[in-house]
Amino acid sequence: MPNTVKLHRVFAAPPKKVYRAFLEPDAIASWLPPFGFTCTVHELEAKEGGKHRMSFRNFTTGQSHSFGGTYLKLVSGETIVYSDVFDDPNLPGEMKVTVTLTTVSVGTEMTVVQQNVPDLIPVEACYLGWQESLRKLAKLVEPDLK
C-alpha cells in the first residue's frame, strides 16, 4: 500500500530563493541527498513537462540508486509539483511530490507532500531522510550573503 509523507518547515529566506534551490542542479545536489549520500544530477530541465534525473550514492558502501521524473507544475516562488520513479524494479510506482511555498513574516513557510512512496521504503525512514535534507536546505538558503 503506497504511503504519504508530509513535512512542514519555515525558512528565514524569501520564497524565490527556496524555489531556486529545488531547480538549480548544483543547489539540489548539495542539499537533497540525506546525510551520508552524494548526489549526481544527470538531467534537470526546470520547466513544466521538463525531465529530471539523478542518482544518490551511499558514501560508505558505494552503492547507488537512480530515479527521475517530470515537472508537472511550476509557479515561480510558489509551487513545484514533480513525479519521481525509481529505476529499481523493487521500488515500483510513480511518486508525486508537491512543494508549496508561502511568504510569511520571517521568510518562507514550506509544505512538502510526497505521495505513493513504495512499500519497501519505511515511512519513518523517508520522513527522517527528508528532515535531514531540509536541514541542509536551510544551510543553503538562509545565509544572506552579499
Protein backbone atom coordinates (compact mmCIF):
# COMPACT_ATOMS: atom_id res chain seq x y z
CA MET A 1 0.00 0.00 0.00
CA PRO A 2 1.73 3.24 -1.09
CA ASN A 3 2.33 5.77 1.66
CA THR A 4 2.39 9.55 2.01
CA VAL A 5 4.93 11.73 3.82
CA LYS A 6 4.02 15.29 4.85
CA LEU A 7 6.51 17.89 6.02
CA HIS A 8 6.37 21.49 7.17
CA ARG A 9 9.25 23.91 7.59
CA VAL A 10 9.81 27.66 7.91
CA PHE A 11 12.95 29.16 6.37
CA ALA A 12 14.45 32.57 7.07
CA ALA A 13 14.78 33.16 3.33
CA PRO A 14 12.49 34.51 0.61
CA PRO A 15 10.33 32.06 -1.38
CA LYS A 16 12.12 32.76 -4.68
CA LYS A 17 15.43 31.67 -3.13
CA VAL A 18 13.93 28.45 -1.73
CA TYR A 19 12.24 27.81 -5.09
CA ARG A 20 15.57 28.18 -6.93
CA ALA A 21 17.17 25.62 -4.61
CA PHE A 22 14.78 22.99 -5.99
CA LEU A 23 15.51 23.79 -9.64
CA GLU A 24 19.23 24.52 -9.97
CA PRO A 25 21.31 21.33 -10.44
CA ASP A 26 24.25 22.35 -8.21
CA ALA A 27 21.91 23.52 -5.48
CA ILE A 28 19.73 20.42 -5.41
CA ALA A 29 22.82 18.17 -5.46
CA SER A 30 24.09 19.96 -2.34
CA TRP A 31 21.00 19.56 -0.17
CA LEU A 32 18.62 16.86 -1.40
CA PRO A 33 20.58 13.69 -0.56
CA PRO A 34 20.26 12.73 3.11
CA PHE A 35 23.37 12.64 5.31
CA GLY A 36 25.87 10.04 4.12
CA PHE A 37 24.85 10.28 0.47
CA THR A 38 26.19 12.20 -2.51
CA CYS A 39 24.10 13.25 -5.49
CA THR A 40 24.80 13.45 -9.19
CA VAL A 41 22.27 15.35 -11.27
CA HIS A 42 22.22 13.80 -14.74
CA GLU A 43 19.41 15.94 -16.18
CA LEU A 44 17.33 18.84 -14.93
CA GLU A 45 15.07 20.73 -17.30
CA ALA A 46 13.27 23.16 -15.00
CA LYS A 47 10.06 23.75 -16.93
CA GLU A 48 6.60 22.21 -16.93
CA GLY A 49 6.92 18.94 -18.83
CA GLY A 50 10.71 19.02 -18.36
CA LYS A 51 12.58 15.98 -17.10
CA HIS A 52 14.87 15.46 -14.15
CA ARG A 53 17.19 12.53 -13.45
CA MET A 54 19.66 12.00 -10.63
CA SER A 55 21.36 9.34 -8.56
CA PHE A 56 22.20 9.12 -4.89
CA ARG A 57 25.34 7.21 -3.81
CA ASN A 58 25.83 5.82 -0.32
CA PHE A 59 29.25 7.21 0.56
CA THR A 60 30.02 4.30 2.93
CA THR A 61 29.08 1.37 0.67
CA GLY A 62 29.44 3.00 -2.75
CA GLN A 63 26.05 1.63 -3.78
CA SER A 64 23.76 3.98 -5.66
CA HIS A 65 20.17 4.26 -6.76
CA SER A 66 18.83 6.43 -9.51
CA PHE A 67 15.47 7.99 -10.21
CA GLY A 68 13.86 10.58 -12.38
CA GLY A 69 10.61 12.10 -13.40
CA THR A 70 8.78 15.06 -14.84
CA TYR A 71 7.99 18.57 -13.63
CA LEU A 72 4.20 18.70 -13.60
CA LYS A 73 3.63 22.25 -12.33
CA LEU A 74 5.97 25.16 -11.69
CA VAL A 75 4.79 28.52 -10.35
CA SER A 76 7.80 30.72 -9.60
CA GLY A 77 8.32 31.21 -5.88
CA GLU A 78 5.08 29.36 -5.01
CA THR A 79 4.63 25.79 -6.23
CA ILE A 80 6.66 22.86 -7.51
CA VAL A 81 4.98 19.59 -8.42
CA TYR A 82 7.01 16.74 -9.87
CA SER A 83 6.96 12.99 -10.29
CA ASP A 84 9.69 10.55 -9.28
CA VAL A 85 10.19 6.97 -10.46
CA PHE A 86 13.00 4.74 -9.16
CA ASP A 87 14.98 2.74 -11.71
CA ASP A 88 14.97 -0.20 -9.27
CA PRO A 89 12.07 -2.56 -10.14
CA ASN A 90 11.79 -3.42 -6.42
CA LEU A 91 10.62 0.18 -5.84
CA PRO A 92 7.67 0.31 -8.24
CA GLY A 93 5.22 3.09 -8.94
CA GLU A 94 5.32 6.79 -9.53
CA MET A 95 5.66 9.14 -6.59
CA LYS A 96 4.30 12.67 -6.72
CA VAL A 97 5.91 15.49 -4.73
CA THR A 98 4.12 18.78 -4.13
CA VAL A 99 6.08 21.68 -2.65
CA THR A 100 4.13 24.77 -1.60
CA LEU A 101 5.92 27.99 -0.64
CA THR A 102 4.18 30.85 1.15
CA THR A 103 5.59 34.22 2.16
CA VAL A 104 5.49 34.72 5.94
CA SER A 105 6.85 37.46 8.20
CA VAL A 106 10.23 35.72 8.68
CA GLY A 107 10.67 34.34 5.15
CA THR A 108 9.06 31.23 3.70
CA GLU A 109 6.66 28.63 5.02
CA MET A 110 7.06 25.40 3.07
CA THR A 111 4.95 22.27 2.95
CA VAL A 112 6.04 19.12 1.15
CA VAL A 113 3.71 16.22 0.39
CA GLN A 114 5.29 13.10 -1.12
CA GLN A 115 2.65 10.63 -2.26
CA ASN A 116 2.89 6.98 -3.34
CA VAL A 117 6.12 6.17 -1.51
CA PRO A 118 6.85 2.48 -2.32
CA ASP A 119 6.06 -0.04 0.42
CA LEU A 120 9.69 -1.17 0.60
CA ILE A 121 10.66 2.27 1.97
CA PRO A 122 9.57 2.65 5.61
CA VAL A 123 7.60 5.89 6.01
CA GLU A 124 9.64 6.85 9.07
CA ALA A 125 12.91 6.39 7.13
CA CYS A 126 11.58 8.54 4.29
CA TYR A 127 10.47 11.20 6.79
CA LEU A 128 13.87 11.13 8.52
CA GLY A 129 15.65 11.47 5.18
CA TRP A 130 13.55 14.50 4.29
CA GLN A 131 14.26 16.06 7.71
CA GLU A 132 17.99 15.70 7.10
CA SER A 133 17.66 17.16 3.61
CA LEU A 134 15.64 20.12 4.85
CA ARG A 135 18.30 20.91 7.46
CA LYS A 136 20.83 21.05 4.62
CA LEU A 137 18.43 23.18 2.56
CA ALA A 138 18.21 25.70 5.42
CA LYS A 139 22.02 25.97 5.50
CA LEU A 140 21.97 26.73 1.78
CA VAL A 141 19.15 29.29 1.61
CA GLU A 142 19.20 31.08 4.97
CA PRO A 143 22.59 32.80 4.84
CA ASP A 144 22.10 36.32 3.46
CA LEU A 145 25.41 36.68 1.66
CA LYS A 146 26.11 39.87 -0.27
